[in-house]
């Protein structure tokens, strides 16, 4: 029976490349010359540090632009609302959403069931498996998931016939 998995993950190498590109852009910006500002990656999160809060906000915009260039969906980012003040610097943590949480998975399953397609969706850990008899039904389910606005990017893995 044909099936595929719906997952939400960001490649760690792409995160590293995005941080490197953002740091490189900081060195070329005139308004950041002589300013102690940086992007630091640790696992699935990035610490954005600068001397002033408005500079941190500008750096977040730079980071968004670099993510877009590396084909990382901006809705995969979770940015802190307020900058934290520590000593003479401000910082915000940006985390990348990895995996599908239970609430979002339930919404996906409900969305697929409401579409009246002849497919079954089941939650398996941090992914959703969709099975059906016809490939066309599976591709229609993919389109429904792509059009859904659930504040998270989704990828489709393990498409099997």
N, C-alpha and C. Protein backbone atom coordinates (compact mmCIF):
# COMPACT_ATOMS: atom_id res chain seq x y z
N UNK A 1 0.84 -1.18 0.00
CA UNK A 1 0.00 0.00 0.00
C UNK A 1 0.89 1.24 0.00
N UNK A 2 0.68 2.18 -0.91
CA UNK A 2 1.50 3.39 -0.96
C UNK A 2 1.36 4.24 0.31
N UNK A 3 2.46 4.85 0.71
CA UNK A 3 2.43 5.69 1.91
C UNK A 3 3.54 6.74 1.85
N UNK A 4 3.43 7.73 2.72
CA UNK A 4 4.50 8.71 2.91
C UNK A 4 4.42 9.25 4.33
N UNK A 5 5.49 9.88 4.78
CA UNK A 5 5.54 10.48 6.11
C UNK A 5 5.59 11.99 5.99
N UNK A 6 4.85 12.66 6.86
CA UNK A 6 4.91 14.12 6.96
C UNK A 6 5.82 14.43 8.14
N UNK A 7 6.89 15.16 7.90
CA UNK A 7 7.84 15.51 8.96
C UNK A 7 8.09 17.02 8.93
N UNK A 8 8.69 17.51 9.98
CA UNK A 8 9.10 18.91 10.04
C UNK A 8 10.49 18.95 10.65
N UNK A 9 11.48 19.15 9.80
CA UNK A 9 12.85 19.17 10.30
C UNK A 9 13.69 20.13 9.47
N UNK A 10 14.70 20.67 10.11
CA UNK A 10 15.63 21.58 9.46
C UNK A 10 17.00 20.93 9.52
N UNK A 11 17.69 20.88 8.38
CA UNK A 11 19.01 20.27 8.30
C UNK A 11 20.02 21.08 9.12
N UNK A 12 20.77 20.42 10.00
CA UNK A 12 21.73 21.11 10.86
C UNK A 12 22.83 21.80 10.06
N UNK A 13 23.20 21.23 8.92
CA UNK A 13 24.22 21.87 8.09
C UNK A 13 23.70 23.19 7.51
N UNK A 14 22.42 23.21 7.17
CA UNK A 14 21.83 24.46 6.67
C UNK A 14 21.80 25.52 7.76
N UNK A 15 21.55 25.10 8.99
CA UNK A 15 21.57 26.05 10.11
C UNK A 15 22.98 26.64 10.25
N UNK A 16 23.99 25.77 10.19
CA UNK A 16 25.39 26.23 10.29
C UNK A 16 25.72 27.19 9.16
N UNK A 17 25.31 26.85 7.94
CA UNK A 17 25.58 27.73 6.79
C UNK A 17 24.86 29.07 6.94
N UNK A 18 23.65 29.05 7.47
CA UNK A 18 22.90 30.29 7.67
C UNK A 18 23.59 31.18 8.69
N UNK A 19 24.07 30.59 9.78
CA UNK A 19 24.77 31.37 10.81
C UNK A 19 26.06 31.96 10.24
N UNK A 20 26.79 31.17 9.45
CA UNK A 20 28.03 31.67 8.83
C UNK A 20 27.73 32.83 7.88
N UNK A 21 26.68 32.69 7.07
CA UNK A 21 26.32 33.76 6.14
C UNK A 21 25.90 35.02 6.88
N UNK A 22 25.15 34.86 7.95
CA UNK A 22 24.70 36.02 8.73
C UNK A 22 25.89 36.73 9.38
N UNK A 23 26.84 35.97 9.94
CA UNK A 23 28.03 36.59 10.52
C UNK A 23 28.86 37.30 9.47
N UNK A 24 28.94 36.71 8.28
CA UNK A 24 29.69 37.34 7.19
C UNK A 24 29.02 38.65 6.76
N UNK A 25 27.69 38.66 6.72
CA UNK A 25 26.98 39.88 6.35
C UNK A 25 27.17 40.97 7.41
N UNK A 26 27.26 40.57 8.68
CA UNK A 26 27.50 41.55 9.75
C UNK A 26 28.81 42.29 9.55
N UNK A 27 29.84 41.57 9.09
CA UNK A 27 31.15 42.22 8.91
C UNK A 27 31.13 43.23 7.77
N UNK A 28 30.21 43.08 6.82
CA UNK A 28 30.17 44.00 5.69
C UNK A 28 29.23 45.18 5.91
N UNK A 29 28.40 45.12 6.96
CA UNK A 29 27.43 46.19 7.19
C UNK A 29 28.11 47.38 7.86
N UNK A 30 27.87 48.57 7.32
CA UNK A 30 28.47 49.79 7.86
C UNK A 30 27.94 50.11 9.25
N UNK A 31 26.63 49.88 9.48
CA UNK A 31 26.04 50.23 10.77
C UNK A 31 26.46 49.29 11.90
N UNK A 32 27.15 48.19 11.58
CA UNK A 32 27.66 47.28 12.60
C UNK A 32 29.17 47.33 12.73
N UNK A 33 29.80 48.30 12.08
CA UNK A 33 31.26 48.42 12.18
C UNK A 33 31.64 48.91 13.58
N UNK A 34 32.53 48.18 14.23
CA UNK A 34 32.98 48.55 15.57
C UNK A 34 32.00 48.15 16.67
N UNK A 35 30.97 47.40 16.32
CA UNK A 35 29.96 46.99 17.29
C UNK A 35 30.21 45.53 17.66
N UNK A 36 30.09 45.21 18.94
CA UNK A 36 30.24 43.83 19.39
C UNK A 36 28.92 43.11 19.13
N UNK A 37 28.81 42.44 17.97
CA UNK A 37 27.58 41.75 17.59
C UNK A 37 27.95 40.42 16.94
N UNK A 38 27.13 39.38 17.21
CA UNK A 38 27.43 38.08 16.62
C UNK A 38 26.23 37.15 16.65
N UNK A 39 26.31 36.12 15.82
CA UNK A 39 25.36 35.01 15.82
C UNK A 39 26.14 33.78 16.29
N UNK A 40 25.64 33.09 17.32
CA UNK A 40 26.32 31.91 17.85
C UNK A 40 25.36 30.74 17.84
N UNK A 41 25.77 29.64 17.20
CA UNK A 41 24.92 28.46 17.12
C UNK A 41 25.28 27.47 18.21
N UNK A 42 24.25 26.88 18.81
CA UNK A 42 24.45 25.78 19.75
C UNK A 42 23.29 24.81 19.57
N UNK A 43 23.55 23.74 18.84
CA UNK A 43 22.51 22.74 18.57
C UNK A 43 21.46 23.29 17.63
N UNK A 44 20.20 23.27 18.08
CA UNK A 44 19.08 23.75 17.27
C UNK A 44 18.70 25.19 17.60
N UNK A 45 19.58 25.91 18.28
CA UNK A 45 19.27 27.29 18.60
C UNK A 45 20.44 28.20 18.23
N UNK A 46 20.10 29.46 18.02
CA UNK A 46 21.09 30.48 17.66
C UNK A 46 20.91 31.65 18.61
N UNK A 47 22.02 32.11 19.19
CA UNK A 47 22.00 33.26 20.09
C UNK A 47 22.43 34.49 19.31
N UNK A 48 21.55 35.49 19.26
CA UNK A 48 21.81 36.74 18.55
C UNK A 48 22.18 37.78 19.59
N UNK A 49 23.43 38.29 19.53
CA UNK A 49 23.95 39.20 20.55
C UNK A 49 24.40 40.50 19.92
N UNK A 50 24.06 41.63 20.58
CA UNK A 50 24.50 42.96 20.13
C UNK A 50 24.52 43.90 21.33
N UNK A 51 25.02 45.12 21.09
CA UNK A 51 25.16 46.09 22.17
C UNK A 51 23.87 46.84 22.49
N UNK A 52 22.91 46.86 21.56
CA UNK A 52 21.65 47.56 21.77
C UNK A 52 20.49 46.70 21.29
N UNK A 53 19.32 46.96 21.87
CA UNK A 53 18.15 46.13 21.53
C UNK A 53 17.72 46.32 20.08
N UNK A 54 17.78 47.54 19.56
CA UNK A 54 17.39 47.75 18.17
C UNK A 54 18.35 47.04 17.21
N UNK A 55 19.62 46.91 17.61
CA UNK A 55 20.57 46.17 16.77
C UNK A 55 20.24 44.69 16.75
N UNK A 56 19.78 44.15 17.86
CA UNK A 56 19.36 42.75 17.90
C UNK A 56 18.20 42.53 16.94
N UNK A 57 17.25 43.48 16.93
CA UNK A 57 16.11 43.36 16.01
C UNK A 57 16.56 43.43 14.56
N UNK A 58 17.52 44.30 14.25
CA UNK A 58 18.07 44.36 12.89
C UNK A 58 18.76 43.05 12.53
N UNK A 59 19.45 42.46 13.50
CA UNK A 59 20.14 41.20 13.24
C UNK A 59 19.16 40.06 13.00
N UNK A 60 18.01 40.10 13.68
CA UNK A 60 16.97 39.09 13.44
C UNK A 60 16.49 39.19 11.99
N UNK A 61 16.32 40.42 11.49
CA UNK A 61 15.93 40.61 10.08
C UNK A 61 17.00 40.06 9.14
N UNK A 62 18.27 40.28 9.46
CA UNK A 62 19.36 39.73 8.66
C UNK A 62 19.29 38.21 8.67
N UNK A 63 19.02 37.64 9.84
CA UNK A 63 18.95 36.18 9.97
C UNK A 63 17.78 35.62 9.16
N UNK A 64 16.64 36.32 9.19
CA UNK A 64 15.50 35.89 8.36
C UNK A 64 15.88 35.86 6.89
N UNK A 65 16.57 36.90 6.44
CA UNK A 65 16.98 36.98 5.03
C UNK A 65 17.92 35.83 4.67
N UNK A 66 18.86 35.54 5.57
CA UNK A 66 19.80 34.44 5.32
C UNK A 66 19.08 33.09 5.31
N UNK A 67 18.09 32.92 6.17
CA UNK A 67 17.30 31.68 6.18
C UNK A 67 16.55 31.51 4.87
N UNK A 68 15.99 32.59 4.37
CA UNK A 68 15.25 32.53 3.11
C UNK A 68 16.18 32.15 1.97
N UNK A 69 17.39 32.70 1.96
CA UNK A 69 18.36 32.35 0.91
C UNK A 69 18.75 30.89 0.97
N UNK A 70 18.75 30.27 2.17
CA UNK A 70 19.12 28.86 2.33
C UNK A 70 17.91 27.94 2.27
N UNK A 71 16.75 28.45 1.87
CA UNK A 71 15.50 27.68 1.76
C UNK A 71 15.05 27.07 3.09
N UNK A 72 15.21 27.83 4.15
CA UNK A 72 14.67 27.45 5.45
C UNK A 72 13.44 28.31 5.66
N UNK A 73 12.30 27.68 5.89
CA UNK A 73 11.06 28.43 6.11
C UNK A 73 11.14 29.27 7.36
N UNK A 74 10.73 30.52 7.26
CA UNK A 74 10.80 31.42 8.41
C UNK A 74 9.86 30.96 9.51
N UNK A 75 8.78 30.27 9.14
CA UNK A 75 7.89 29.77 10.18
C UNK A 75 8.47 28.58 10.93
N UNK A 76 9.67 28.13 10.56
CA UNK A 76 10.38 27.09 11.32
C UNK A 76 11.16 27.71 12.48
N UNK A 77 11.21 29.04 12.53
CA UNK A 77 11.95 29.75 13.58
C UNK A 77 11.03 30.14 14.72
N UNK A 78 11.55 30.05 15.92
CA UNK A 78 10.83 30.50 17.10
C UNK A 78 11.72 31.52 17.80
N UNK A 79 11.36 32.80 17.70
CA UNK A 79 12.19 33.90 18.22
C UNK A 79 11.59 34.40 19.53
N UNK A 80 12.45 34.63 20.52
CA UNK A 80 12.00 35.21 21.79
C UNK A 80 11.42 36.59 21.54
N UNK A 81 10.40 36.96 22.31
CA UNK A 81 9.76 38.26 22.12
C UNK A 81 10.62 39.41 22.62
N UNK A 82 11.15 39.28 23.82
CA UNK A 82 11.92 40.36 24.42
C UNK A 82 13.39 40.01 24.47
N UNK A 83 14.22 41.01 24.19
CA UNK A 83 15.67 40.82 24.29
C UNK A 83 16.08 40.81 25.76
N UNK A 84 16.99 39.92 26.09
CA UNK A 84 17.49 39.83 27.47
C UNK A 84 18.73 40.71 27.60
N UNK A 85 18.78 41.49 28.68
CA UNK A 85 19.91 42.38 28.91
C UNK A 85 20.86 41.72 29.89
N UNK A 86 22.12 41.60 29.47
CA UNK A 86 23.11 40.97 30.34
C UNK A 86 24.40 41.76 30.24
N UNK A 87 24.74 42.47 31.28
CA UNK A 87 25.96 43.29 31.26
C UNK A 87 25.80 44.44 30.29
N UNK A 88 26.69 44.49 29.29
CA UNK A 88 26.59 45.58 28.31
C UNK A 88 25.99 45.10 26.99
N UNK A 89 25.45 43.89 26.95
CA UNK A 89 24.90 43.37 25.71
C UNK A 89 23.45 42.93 25.88
N UNK A 90 22.76 42.89 24.74
CA UNK A 90 21.40 42.35 24.66
C UNK A 90 21.47 41.10 23.80
N UNK A 91 20.59 40.14 24.07
CA UNK A 91 20.56 38.97 23.20
C UNK A 91 19.16 38.37 23.13
N UNK A 92 18.90 37.67 22.03
CA UNK A 92 17.68 36.89 21.84
C UNK A 92 18.09 35.51 21.37
N UNK A 93 17.34 34.52 21.78
CA UNK A 93 17.57 33.17 21.32
C UNK A 93 16.56 32.83 20.22
N UNK A 94 17.05 32.25 19.14
CA UNK A 94 16.22 31.79 18.05
C UNK A 94 16.34 30.27 18.01
N UNK A 95 15.22 29.58 18.14
CA UNK A 95 15.24 28.12 18.08
C UNK A 95 14.53 27.65 16.82
N UNK A 96 14.98 26.52 16.31
CA UNK A 96 14.37 25.92 15.13
C UNK A 96 13.43 24.81 15.57
N UNK A 97 12.22 24.83 15.02
CA UNK A 97 11.24 23.79 15.35
C UNK A 97 11.64 22.50 14.65
N UNK A 98 11.85 21.46 15.44
CA UNK A 98 12.19 20.14 14.91
C UNK A 98 11.10 19.18 15.33
N UNK A 99 10.54 18.46 14.38
CA UNK A 99 9.49 17.50 14.69
C UNK A 99 8.12 18.17 14.77
N UNK A 100 7.10 17.34 14.77
CA UNK A 100 5.73 17.83 14.83
C UNK A 100 5.19 17.53 16.23
N UNK A 101 4.75 18.56 16.94
CA UNK A 101 4.19 18.32 18.27
C UNK A 101 2.81 17.68 18.16
N UNK A 102 2.31 17.16 19.27
CA UNK A 102 1.05 16.40 19.25
C UNK A 102 -0.14 17.23 18.75
N UNK A 103 -0.22 18.48 19.18
CA UNK A 103 -1.35 19.32 18.77
C UNK A 103 -1.37 19.53 17.26
N UNK A 104 -0.21 19.86 16.70
CA UNK A 104 -0.12 20.07 15.25
C UNK A 104 -0.40 18.77 14.50
N UNK A 105 0.10 17.65 15.03
CA UNK A 105 -0.15 16.36 14.39
C UNK A 105 -1.64 16.04 14.39
N UNK A 106 -2.33 16.33 15.48
CA UNK A 106 -3.77 16.10 15.53
C UNK A 106 -4.50 16.97 14.52
N UNK A 107 -4.05 18.22 14.37
CA UNK A 107 -4.67 19.12 13.38
C UNK A 107 -4.45 18.57 11.97
N UNK A 108 -3.25 18.06 11.70
CA UNK A 108 -2.98 17.48 10.38
C UNK A 108 -3.88 16.28 10.09
N UNK A 109 -3.99 15.39 11.05
CA UNK A 109 -4.84 14.20 10.87
C UNK A 109 -6.28 14.62 10.64
N UNK A 110 -6.76 15.58 11.43
CA UNK A 110 -8.13 16.07 11.29
C UNK A 110 -8.34 16.71 9.92
N UNK A 111 -7.37 17.48 9.47
CA UNK A 111 -7.45 18.15 8.17
C UNK A 111 -7.53 17.13 7.04
N UNK A 112 -6.72 16.08 7.13
CA UNK A 112 -6.72 15.05 6.09
C UNK A 112 -8.03 14.27 6.10
N UNK A 113 -8.56 13.97 7.29
CA UNK A 113 -9.82 13.23 7.38
C UNK A 113 -10.99 14.05 6.88
N UNK A 114 -10.96 15.37 7.14
CA UNK A 114 -12.05 16.23 6.68
C UNK A 114 -12.06 16.41 5.17
N UNK A 115 -10.95 16.11 4.51
CA UNK A 115 -10.87 16.29 3.06
C UNK A 115 -11.62 15.20 2.30
N UNK A 116 -12.06 14.16 2.99
CA UNK A 116 -12.84 13.05 2.41
C UNK A 116 -12.05 12.27 1.37
N UNK A 117 -10.71 12.32 1.44
CA UNK A 117 -9.89 11.50 0.55
C UNK A 117 -9.85 10.08 1.10
N UNK A 118 -9.58 9.14 0.23
CA UNK A 118 -9.52 7.74 0.66
C UNK A 118 -8.10 7.41 1.13
N UNK A 119 -7.69 8.10 2.19
CA UNK A 119 -6.39 7.87 2.81
C UNK A 119 -6.57 7.81 4.33
N UNK A 120 -5.61 7.18 4.99
CA UNK A 120 -5.60 7.12 6.44
C UNK A 120 -4.36 7.85 6.94
N UNK A 121 -4.53 8.63 7.99
CA UNK A 121 -3.42 9.36 8.60
C UNK A 121 -3.28 8.90 10.04
N UNK A 122 -2.04 8.63 10.45
CA UNK A 122 -1.80 8.21 11.83
C UNK A 122 -0.56 8.90 12.37
N UNK A 123 -0.60 9.22 13.66
CA UNK A 123 0.52 9.90 14.31
C UNK A 123 1.52 8.84 14.76
N UNK A 124 2.79 9.04 14.41
CA UNK A 124 3.85 8.13 14.82
C UNK A 124 5.00 8.95 15.38
N UNK A 125 4.95 9.20 16.66
CA UNK A 125 6.00 9.99 17.30
C UNK A 125 5.93 11.44 16.86
N UNK A 126 6.98 11.92 16.22
CA UNK A 126 7.04 13.31 15.75
C UNK A 126 6.78 13.42 14.26
N UNK A 127 6.07 12.45 13.70
CA UNK A 127 5.72 12.50 12.28
C UNK A 127 4.33 11.91 12.09
N UNK A 128 3.76 12.15 10.92
CA UNK A 128 2.44 11.64 10.58
C UNK A 128 2.57 10.77 9.34
N UNK A 129 2.11 9.54 9.42
CA UNK A 129 2.15 8.62 8.29
C UNK A 129 0.80 8.64 7.60
N UNK A 130 0.82 8.80 6.26
CA UNK A 130 -0.40 8.80 5.46
C UNK A 130 -0.32 7.62 4.50
N UNK A 131 -1.35 6.77 4.51
CA UNK A 131 -1.40 5.62 3.61
C UNK A 131 -2.69 5.66 2.81
N UNK A 132 -2.65 5.11 1.61
CA UNK A 132 -3.82 5.05 0.75
C UNK A 132 -3.57 4.08 -0.39
N UNK A 133 -4.63 3.77 -1.14
CA UNK A 133 -4.50 2.80 -2.23
C UNK A 133 -3.96 3.44 -3.50
N UNK A 134 -4.28 4.72 -3.72
CA UNK A 134 -3.89 5.38 -4.97
C UNK A 134 -2.87 6.49 -4.70
N UNK A 135 -1.93 6.60 -5.62
CA UNK A 135 -0.92 7.66 -5.51
C UNK A 135 -1.56 9.03 -5.66
N UNK A 136 -2.60 9.12 -6.50
CA UNK A 136 -3.26 10.41 -6.72
C UNK A 136 -3.88 10.93 -5.42
N UNK A 137 -4.46 10.02 -4.63
CA UNK A 137 -5.03 10.44 -3.35
C UNK A 137 -3.93 10.93 -2.40
N UNK A 138 -2.79 10.26 -2.41
CA UNK A 138 -1.67 10.69 -1.56
C UNK A 138 -1.15 12.06 -1.99
N UNK A 139 -1.07 12.28 -3.30
CA UNK A 139 -0.60 13.58 -3.78
C UNK A 139 -1.61 14.68 -3.45
N UNK A 140 -2.90 14.35 -3.49
CA UNK A 140 -3.92 15.33 -3.08
C UNK A 140 -3.78 15.65 -1.60
N UNK A 141 -3.46 14.64 -0.79
CA UNK A 141 -3.25 14.88 0.64
C UNK A 141 -2.03 15.78 0.86
N UNK A 142 -0.98 15.58 0.05
CA UNK A 142 0.20 16.46 0.14
C UNK A 142 -0.17 17.90 -0.16
N UNK A 143 -0.99 18.10 -1.19
CA UNK A 143 -1.41 19.46 -1.54
C UNK A 143 -2.23 20.10 -0.43
N UNK A 144 -3.07 19.32 0.22
CA UNK A 144 -3.87 19.85 1.33
C UNK A 144 -2.95 20.30 2.47
N UNK A 145 -1.93 19.50 2.77
CA UNK A 145 -1.00 19.86 3.84
C UNK A 145 -0.20 21.09 3.47
N UNK A 146 0.21 21.19 2.19
CA UNK A 146 0.98 22.37 1.74
C UNK A 146 0.16 23.65 1.87
N UNK A 147 -1.15 23.56 1.60
CA UNK A 147 -2.00 24.74 1.63
C UNK A 147 -2.44 25.12 3.04
N UNK A 148 -2.33 24.18 3.98
CA UNK A 148 -2.73 24.46 5.36
C UNK A 148 -1.74 25.43 5.99
N UNK A 149 -2.26 26.35 6.77
CA UNK A 149 -1.40 27.33 7.43
C UNK A 149 -1.32 26.97 8.91
N UNK A 150 -0.34 26.15 9.24
CA UNK A 150 -0.18 25.67 10.61
C UNK A 150 1.09 26.19 11.27
N UNK A 151 1.66 27.27 10.76
CA UNK A 151 2.85 27.93 11.34
C UNK A 151 4.04 26.99 11.49
N UNK A 152 4.20 26.10 10.53
CA UNK A 152 5.34 25.19 10.56
C UNK A 152 5.53 24.63 9.15
N UNK A 153 6.76 24.56 8.68
CA UNK A 153 6.98 23.96 7.35
C UNK A 153 6.98 22.43 7.46
N UNK A 154 6.46 21.78 6.44
CA UNK A 154 6.41 20.32 6.43
C UNK A 154 7.14 19.78 5.22
N UNK A 155 7.79 18.63 5.40
CA UNK A 155 8.43 17.92 4.32
C UNK A 155 7.80 16.54 4.23
N UNK A 156 7.93 15.93 3.07
CA UNK A 156 7.34 14.62 2.84
C UNK A 156 8.47 13.62 2.57
N UNK A 157 8.56 12.58 3.41
CA UNK A 157 9.62 11.57 3.30
C UNK A 157 9.02 10.20 3.04
N UNK A 158 9.88 9.28 2.63
CA UNK A 158 9.55 7.87 2.51
C UNK A 158 8.33 7.61 1.64
N UNK A 159 8.25 8.26 0.48
CA UNK A 159 7.13 8.00 -0.42
C UNK A 159 7.34 6.61 -1.01
N UNK A 160 6.46 5.70 -0.65
CA UNK A 160 6.61 4.30 -1.10
C UNK A 160 5.40 3.88 -1.90
N UNK A 161 5.65 3.03 -2.90
CA UNK A 161 4.55 2.47 -3.69
C UNK A 161 4.12 1.14 -3.17
